[in-house]
Amino acid sequence: MGNNHFACRSSDANPSFPDMKNDVAAPDPLADVRGRAPAVSGSQIDFGVLPELTGFSLKLTWVLAHGLVARELRDAGVTPLRFSMLEVVGRNPGLQQMQLAEALALTRPATTLALDFWEDRGCIERRKLPEDRRSFGVYATDTGMEELGWMRQAIKKADAALTSQLTEAETKEFRRLMKKIHL
């Protein structure tokens, strides 16, 4: 077998019958995170009205999304909130902490904690603003921009896994409907 790591991989074609496809289902990209959210259907627990509530479905989806992000980033410290903070800082150099808090619907303490996390890692820096020396603007460092590069790809991969059970049209429609609620 040597160094061939793919010796056991399945192919699309059946080698005995080249014109036939294998009837092997694709692996569930959510399999390793599904245990984070309770299985509501078929459960012995009576969830009452919860399965009928949009907010409850969103919460369970968020739990899965959080698990996928953790899986793809491979860094338990980088949460979706922290990634969002670095993304907004990277795209909007010089925003003040209050602007960041408002943009991401965060409290001041939560914003401070997220900024401290990235500052400790050398990904952002706070600089006094020339027009108001009492205020600070937040800027991504070169390290922060490098980190964002690979993290954006990982986040997109997690998002694709999250919506893998939907068609492209369904995913677009889902996002459109969600925007009707939150915008």
C-alpha atoms as a PDB file:
ATOM      1  CA  MET A   1       0.000   0.000   0.000  1.00  0.00           C
ATOM      2  CA  GLY A   2       2.914   2.359   0.532  1.00  0.00           C
ATOM      3  CA  ASN A   3       2.067   6.009   1.154  1.00  0.00           C
ATOM      4  CA  ASN A   4      -1.267   6.011  -0.648  1.00  0.00           C
ATOM      5  CA  HIS A   5      -3.567   7.556   1.980  1.00  0.00           C
ATOM      6  CA  PHE A   6      -6.589   7.145  -0.256  1.00  0.00           C
ATOM      7  CA  ALA A   7      -6.435   3.366  -0.667  1.00  0.00           C
ATOM      8  CA  CYS A   8      -9.808   2.885   1.055  1.00  0.00           C
ATOM      9  CA  ARG A   9     -11.717   5.847  -0.309  1.00  0.00           C
ATOM     10  CA  SER A  10     -14.923   5.218  -2.174  1.00  0.00           C
ATOM     11  CA  SER A  11     -15.380   6.484  -5.695  1.00  0.00           C
ATOM     12  CA  ASP A  12     -18.468   7.623  -7.558  1.00  0.00           C
ATOM     13  CA  ALA A  13     -18.301   4.676  -9.905  1.00  0.00           C
ATOM     14  CA  ASN A  14     -18.688   1.043  -8.911  1.00  0.00           C
ATOM     15  CA  PRO A  15     -15.507  -0.704 -10.176  1.00  0.00           C
ATOM     16  CA  SER A  16     -17.382  -3.957 -10.909  1.00  0.00           C
ATOM     17  CA  PHE A  17     -20.082  -2.156 -12.863  1.00  0.00           C
ATOM     18  CA  PRO A  18     -18.622   1.068 -14.264  1.00  0.00           C
ATOM     19  CA  ASP A  19     -21.994   2.480 -15.343  1.00  0.00           C
ATOM     20  CA  MET A  20     -23.533   2.162 -11.858  1.00  0.00           C
ATOM     21  CA  LYS A  21     -23.208   4.737  -9.066  1.00  0.00           C
ATOM     22  CA  ASN A  22     -22.632   3.765  -5.461  1.00  0.00           C
ATOM     23  CA  ASP A  23     -25.709   4.322  -3.308  1.00  0.00           C
ATOM     24  CA  VAL A  24     -23.673   5.645  -0.392  1.00  0.00           C
ATOM     25  CA  ALA A  25     -25.214   8.657   1.321  1.00  0.00           C
ATOM     26  CA  ALA A  26     -22.938  11.642   1.743  1.00  0.00           C
ATOM     27  CA  PRO A  27     -21.748  12.079   5.320  1.00  0.00           C
ATOM     28  CA  ASP A  28     -23.686  14.573   7.430  1.00  0.00           C
ATOM     29  CA  PRO A  29     -21.443  17.650   7.808  1.00  0.00           C
ATOM     30  CA  LEU A  30     -23.218  18.416  11.090  1.00  0.00           C
ATOM     31  CA  ALA A  31     -22.793  14.931  12.592  1.00  0.00           C
ATOM     32  CA  ASP A  32     -20.058  15.870  15.058  1.00  0.00           C
ATOM     33  CA  VAL A  33     -21.960  18.920  16.390  1.00  0.00           C
ATOM     34  CA  ARG A  34     -25.557  17.648  16.380  1.00  0.00           C
ATOM     35  CA  GLY A  35     -25.172  16.415  19.953  1.00  0.00           C
ATOM     36  CA  ARG A  36     -24.850  20.034  21.123  1.00  0.00           C
ATOM     37  CA  ALA A  37     -28.512  20.740  20.353  1.00  0.00           C
ATOM     38  CA  PRO A  38     -31.305  18.611  21.802  1.00  0.00           C
ATOM     39  CA  ALA A  39     -33.187  16.319  19.448  1.00  0.00           C
ATOM     40  CA  VAL A  40     -36.666  17.758  19.769  1.00  0.00           C
ATOM     41  CA  SER A  41     -38.520  15.405  17.456  1.00  0.00           C
ATOM     42  CA  GLY A  42     -38.789  11.897  18.837  1.00  0.00           C
ATOM     43  CA  SER A  43     -37.620  13.018  22.268  1.00  0.00           C
ATOM     44  CA  GLN A  44     -39.122  11.638  25.475  1.00  0.00           C
ATOM     45  CA  ILE A  45     -39.062  15.185  26.831  1.00  0.00           C
ATOM     46  CA  ASP A  46     -42.162  17.277  26.248  1.00  0.00           C
ATOM     47  CA  PHE A  47     -40.917  20.621  24.941  1.00  0.00           C
ATOM     48  CA  GLY A  48     -44.408  22.128  25.012  1.00  0.00           C
ATOM     49  CA  VAL A  49     -44.760  25.065  22.625  1.00  0.00           C
ATOM     50  CA  LEU A  50     -40.998  25.476  22.135  1.00  0.00           C
ATOM     51  CA  PRO A  51     -40.793  23.550  18.818  1.00  0.00           C
ATOM     52  CA  GLU A  52     -43.451  25.898  17.416  1.00  0.00           C
ATOM     53  CA  LEU A  53     -41.461  29.034  18.292  1.00  0.00           C
ATOM     54  CA  THR A  54     -39.180  30.675  15.757  1.00  0.00           C
ATOM     55  CA  GLY A  55     -36.855  31.887  18.497  1.00  0.00           C
ATOM     56  CA  PHE A  56     -36.355  28.349  19.816  1.00  0.00           C
ATOM     57  CA  SER A  57     -35.503  27.077  16.319  1.00  0.00           C
ATOM     58  CA  LEU A  58     -33.066  29.962  15.909  1.00  0.00           C
ATOM     59  CA  LYS A  59     -31.461  29.119  19.253  1.00  0.00           C
ATOM     60  CA  LEU A  60     -30.942  25.478  18.262  1.00  0.00           C
ATOM     61  CA  THR A  61     -29.546  26.579  14.892  1.00  0.00           C
ATOM     62  CA  TRP A  62     -27.204  29.003  16.683  1.00  0.00           C
ATOM     63  CA  VAL A  63     -25.958  26.178  18.921  1.00  0.00           C
ATOM     64  CA  LEU A  64     -25.096  24.137  15.815  1.00  0.00           C
ATOM     65  CA  ALA A  65     -23.495  27.161  14.122  1.00  0.00           C
ATOM     66  CA  HIS A  66     -21.358  27.845  17.196  1.00  0.00           C
ATOM     67  CA  GLY A  67     -20.171  24.221  17.211  1.00  0.00           C
ATOM     68  CA  LEU A  68     -19.299  24.368  13.511  1.00  0.00           C
ATOM     69  CA  VAL A  69     -17.316  27.578  13.989  1.00  0.00           C
ATOM     70  CA  ALA A  70     -15.407  26.019  16.892  1.00  0.00           C
ATOM     71  CA  ARG A  71     -14.707  22.937  14.771  1.00  0.00           C
ATOM     72  CA  GLU A  72     -13.415  24.916  11.786  1.00  0.00           C
ATOM     73  CA  LEU A  73     -11.387  27.473  13.745  1.00  0.00           C
ATOM     74  CA  ARG A  74      -9.921  24.845  16.086  1.00  0.00           C
ATOM     75  CA  ASP A  75      -9.557  27.503  18.768  1.00  0.00           C
ATOM     76  CA  ALA A  76     -12.091  27.430  21.573  1.00  0.00           C
ATOM     77  CA  GLY A  77     -11.262  31.043  22.417  1.00  0.00           C
ATOM     78  CA  VAL A  78     -12.425  32.375  19.082  1.00  0.00           C
ATOM     79  CA  THR A  79     -16.193  32.501  19.312  1.00  0.00           C
ATOM     80  CA  PRO A  80     -18.557  33.768  16.619  1.00  0.00           C
ATOM     81  CA  LEU A  81     -18.871  37.000  18.611  1.00  0.00           C
ATOM     82  CA  ARG A  82     -15.111  37.470  18.749  1.00  0.00           C
ATOM     83  CA  PHE A  83     -14.724  36.680  15.067  1.00  0.00           C
ATOM     84  CA  SER A  84     -17.471  39.216  14.291  1.00  0.00           C
ATOM     85  CA  MET A  85     -15.631  41.829  16.326  1.00  0.00           C
ATOM     86  CA  LEU A  86     -12.354  41.313  14.477  1.00  0.00           C
ATOM     87  CA  GLU A  87     -14.172  41.260  11.124  1.00  0.00           C
ATOM     88  CA  VAL A  88     -15.877  44.599  11.795  1.00  0.00           C
ATOM     89  CA  VAL A  89     -12.644  46.151  13.100  1.00  0.00           C
ATOM     90  CA  GLY A  90     -10.750  44.863  10.064  1.00  0.00           C
ATOM     91  CA  ARG A  91     -13.325  46.305   7.665  1.00  0.00           C
ATOM     92  CA  ASN A  92     -13.759  49.628   9.529  1.00  0.00           C
ATOM     93  CA  PRO A  93     -10.428  50.913  10.844  1.00  0.00           C
ATOM     94  CA  GLY A  94     -10.688  53.555  13.539  1.00  0.00           C
ATOM     95  CA  LEU A  95     -14.159  52.815  14.877  1.00  0.00           C
ATOM     96  CA  GLN A  96     -14.619  53.707  18.506  1.00  0.00           C
ATOM     97  CA  GLN A  97     -15.621  51.117  21.079  1.00  0.00           C
ATOM     98  CA  MET A  98     -19.159  52.521  21.371  1.00  0.00           C
ATOM     99  CA  GLN A  99     -19.613  52.282  17.589  1.00  0.00           C
ATOM    100  CA  LEU A 100     -18.452  48.659  17.657  1.00  0.00           C
ATOM    101  CA  ALA A 101     -20.830  47.855  20.520  1.00  0.00           C
ATOM    102  CA  GLU A 102     -23.730  49.391  18.624  1.00  0.00           C
ATOM    103  CA  ALA A 103     -22.814  47.713  15.321  1.00  0.00           C
ATOM    104  CA  LEU A 104     -22.773  44.260  16.927  1.00  0.00           C
ATOM    105  CA  ALA A 105     -25.582  44.842  19.460  1.00  0.00           C
ATOM    106  CA  LEU A 106     -23.238  44.324  22.404  1.00  0.00           C
ATOM    107  CA  THR A 107     -22.950  45.857  25.831  1.00  0.00           C
ATOM    108  CA  ARG A 108     -19.894  47.970  26.627  1.00  0.00           C
ATOM    109  CA  PRO A 109     -18.449  45.258  28.927  1.00  0.00           C
ATOM    110  CA  ALA A 110     -18.898  42.542  26.266  1.00  0.00           C
ATOM    111  CA  THR A 111     -17.256  44.803  23.687  1.00  0.00           C
ATOM    112  CA  THR A 112     -14.341  45.517  26.023  1.00  0.00           C
ATOM    113  CA  LEU A 113     -13.818  41.793  26.671  1.00  0.00           C
ATOM    114  CA  ALA A 114     -13.819  40.982  22.951  1.00  0.00           C
ATOM    115  CA  LEU A 115     -11.386  43.800  22.194  1.00  0.00           C
ATOM    116  CA  ASP A 116      -9.128  42.780  25.085  1.00  0.00           C
ATOM    117  CA  PHE A 117      -9.076  39.221  23.710  1.00  0.00           C
ATOM    118  CA  TRP A 118      -7.835  40.392  20.303  1.00  0.00           C
ATOM    119  CA  GLU A 119      -5.478  42.972  21.765  1.00  0.00           C
ATOM    120  CA  ASP A 120      -3.845  40.284  23.934  1.00  0.00           C
ATOM    121  CA  ARG A 121      -3.260  38.248  20.767  1.00  0.00           C
ATOM    122  CA  GLY A 122      -1.731  41.209  18.955  1.00  0.00           C
ATOM    123  CA  CYS A 123      -4.562  41.370  16.412  1.00  0.00           C
ATOM    124  CA  ILE A 124      -5.900  44.831  17.216  1.00  0.00           C
ATOM    125  CA  GLU A 125      -4.636  48.025  18.758  1.00  0.00           C
ATOM    126  CA  ARG A 126      -6.343  51.013  20.287  1.00  0.00           C
ATOM    127  CA  ARG A 127      -5.030  54.384  19.125  1.00  0.00           C
ATOM    128  CA  LYS A 128      -5.886  57.852  20.350  1.00  0.00           C
ATOM    129  CA  LEU A 129      -7.902  59.680  17.753  1.00  0.00           C
ATOM    130  CA  PRO A 130      -6.241  62.884  16.529  1.00  0.00           C
ATOM    131  CA  GLU A 131      -9.551  64.802  16.559  1.00  0.00           C
ATOM    132  CA  ASP A 132     -10.363  63.768  20.160  1.00  0.00           C
ATOM    133  CA  ARG A 133      -7.419  62.687  22.289  1.00  0.00           C
ATOM    134  CA  ARG A 134      -9.799  61.357  24.952  1.00  0.00           C
ATOM    135  CA  SER A 135     -11.199  58.794  22.511  1.00  0.00           C
ATOM    136  CA  PHE A 136      -9.617  55.733  20.987  1.00  0.00           C
ATOM    137  CA  GLY A 137     -10.068  54.195  17.577  1.00  0.00           C
ATOM    138  CA  VAL A 138      -9.666  50.452  17.134  1.00  0.00           C
ATOM    139  CA  TYR A 139      -7.470  49.149  14.320  1.00  0.00           C
ATOM    140  CA  ALA A 140      -6.564  45.673  13.120  1.00  0.00           C
ATOM    141  CA  THR A 141      -2.832  45.010  13.081  1.00  0.00           C
ATOM    142  CA  ASP A 142      -1.049  43.195  10.277  1.00  0.00           C
ATOM    143  CA  THR A 143      -1.312  40.066  12.417  1.00  0.00           C
ATOM    144  CA  GLY A 144      -5.044  40.649  12.816  1.00  0.00           C
ATOM    145  CA  MET A 145      -5.531  41.001   9.077  1.00  0.00           C
ATOM    146  CA  GLU A 146      -3.556  37.789   8.469  1.00  0.00           C
ATOM    147  CA  GLU A 147      -5.700  35.980  11.039  1.00  0.00           C
ATOM    148  CA  LEU A 148      -8.849  37.294   9.393  1.00  0.00           C
ATOM    149  CA  GLY A 149      -7.728  35.895   6.052  1.00  0.00           C
ATOM    150  CA  TRP A 150      -7.769  32.265   7.101  1.00  0.00           C
ATOM    151  CA  MET A 151     -10.616  32.696   9.608  1.00  0.00           C
ATOM    152  CA  ARG A 152     -12.951  34.058   6.919  1.00  0.00           C
ATOM    153  CA  GLN A 153     -12.420  30.888   4.912  1.00  0.00           C
ATOM    154  CA  ALA A 154     -13.039  28.710   7.977  1.00  0.00           C
ATOM    155  CA  ILE A 155     -16.189  30.646   8.861  1.00  0.00           C
ATOM    156  CA  LYS A 156     -17.499  30.288   5.300  1.00  0.00           C
ATOM    157  CA  LYS A 157     -16.856  26.555   5.502  1.00  0.00           C
ATOM    158  CA  ALA A 158     -18.783  26.358   8.794  1.00  0.00           C
ATOM    159  CA  ASP A 159     -21.641  28.355   7.279  1.00  0.00           C
ATOM    160  CA  ALA A 160     -21.759  26.073   4.240  1.00  0.00           C
ATOM    161  CA  ALA A 161     -21.974  23.054   6.556  1.00  0.00           C
ATOM    162  CA  LEU A 162     -24.770  24.709   8.529  1.00  0.00           C
ATOM    163  CA  THR A 163     -26.894  25.155   5.410  1.00  0.00           C
ATOM    164  CA  SER A 164     -25.814  21.941   3.692  1.00  0.00           C
ATOM    165  CA  GLN A 165     -29.302  20.426   3.995  1.00  0.00           C
ATOM    166  CA  LEU A 166     -30.749  23.375   2.050  1.00  0.00           C
ATOM    167  CA  THR A 167     -30.572  24.070  -1.649  1.00  0.00           C
ATOM    168  CA  GLU A 168     -28.868  27.267  -2.768  1.00  0.00           C
ATOM    169  CA  ALA A 169     -32.294  28.807  -3.399  1.00  0.00           C
ATOM    170  CA  GLU A 170     -33.514  27.757   0.066  1.00  0.00           C
ATOM    171  CA  THR A 171     -30.411  29.230   1.686  1.00  0.00           C
ATOM    172  CA  LYS A 172     -30.965  32.556  -0.096  1.00  0.00           C
ATOM    173  CA  GLU A 173     -34.637  32.519   0.888  1.00  0.00           C
ATOM    174  CA  PHE A 174     -33.790  31.677   4.508  1.00  0.00           C
ATOM    175  CA  ARG A 175     -31.382  34.614   4.693  1.00  0.00           C
ATOM    176  CA  ARG A 176     -33.903  36.901   3.010  1.00  0.00           C
ATOM    177  CA  LEU A 177     -36.594  35.958   5.517  1.00  0.00           C
ATOM    178  CA  MET A 178     -34.247  36.419   8.464  1.00  0.00           C
ATOM    179  CA  LYS A 179     -33.334  39.897   7.223  1.00  0.00           C
ATOM    180  CA  LYS A 180     -37.034  40.793   7.145  1.00  0.00           C
ATOM    181  CA  ILE A 181     -37.045  40.168  10.895  1.00  0.00           C
ATOM    182  CA  HIS A 182     -33.767  41.750  11.988  1.00  0.00           C
ATOM    183  CA  LEU A 183     -33.363  44.641   9.549  1.00  0.00           C
END
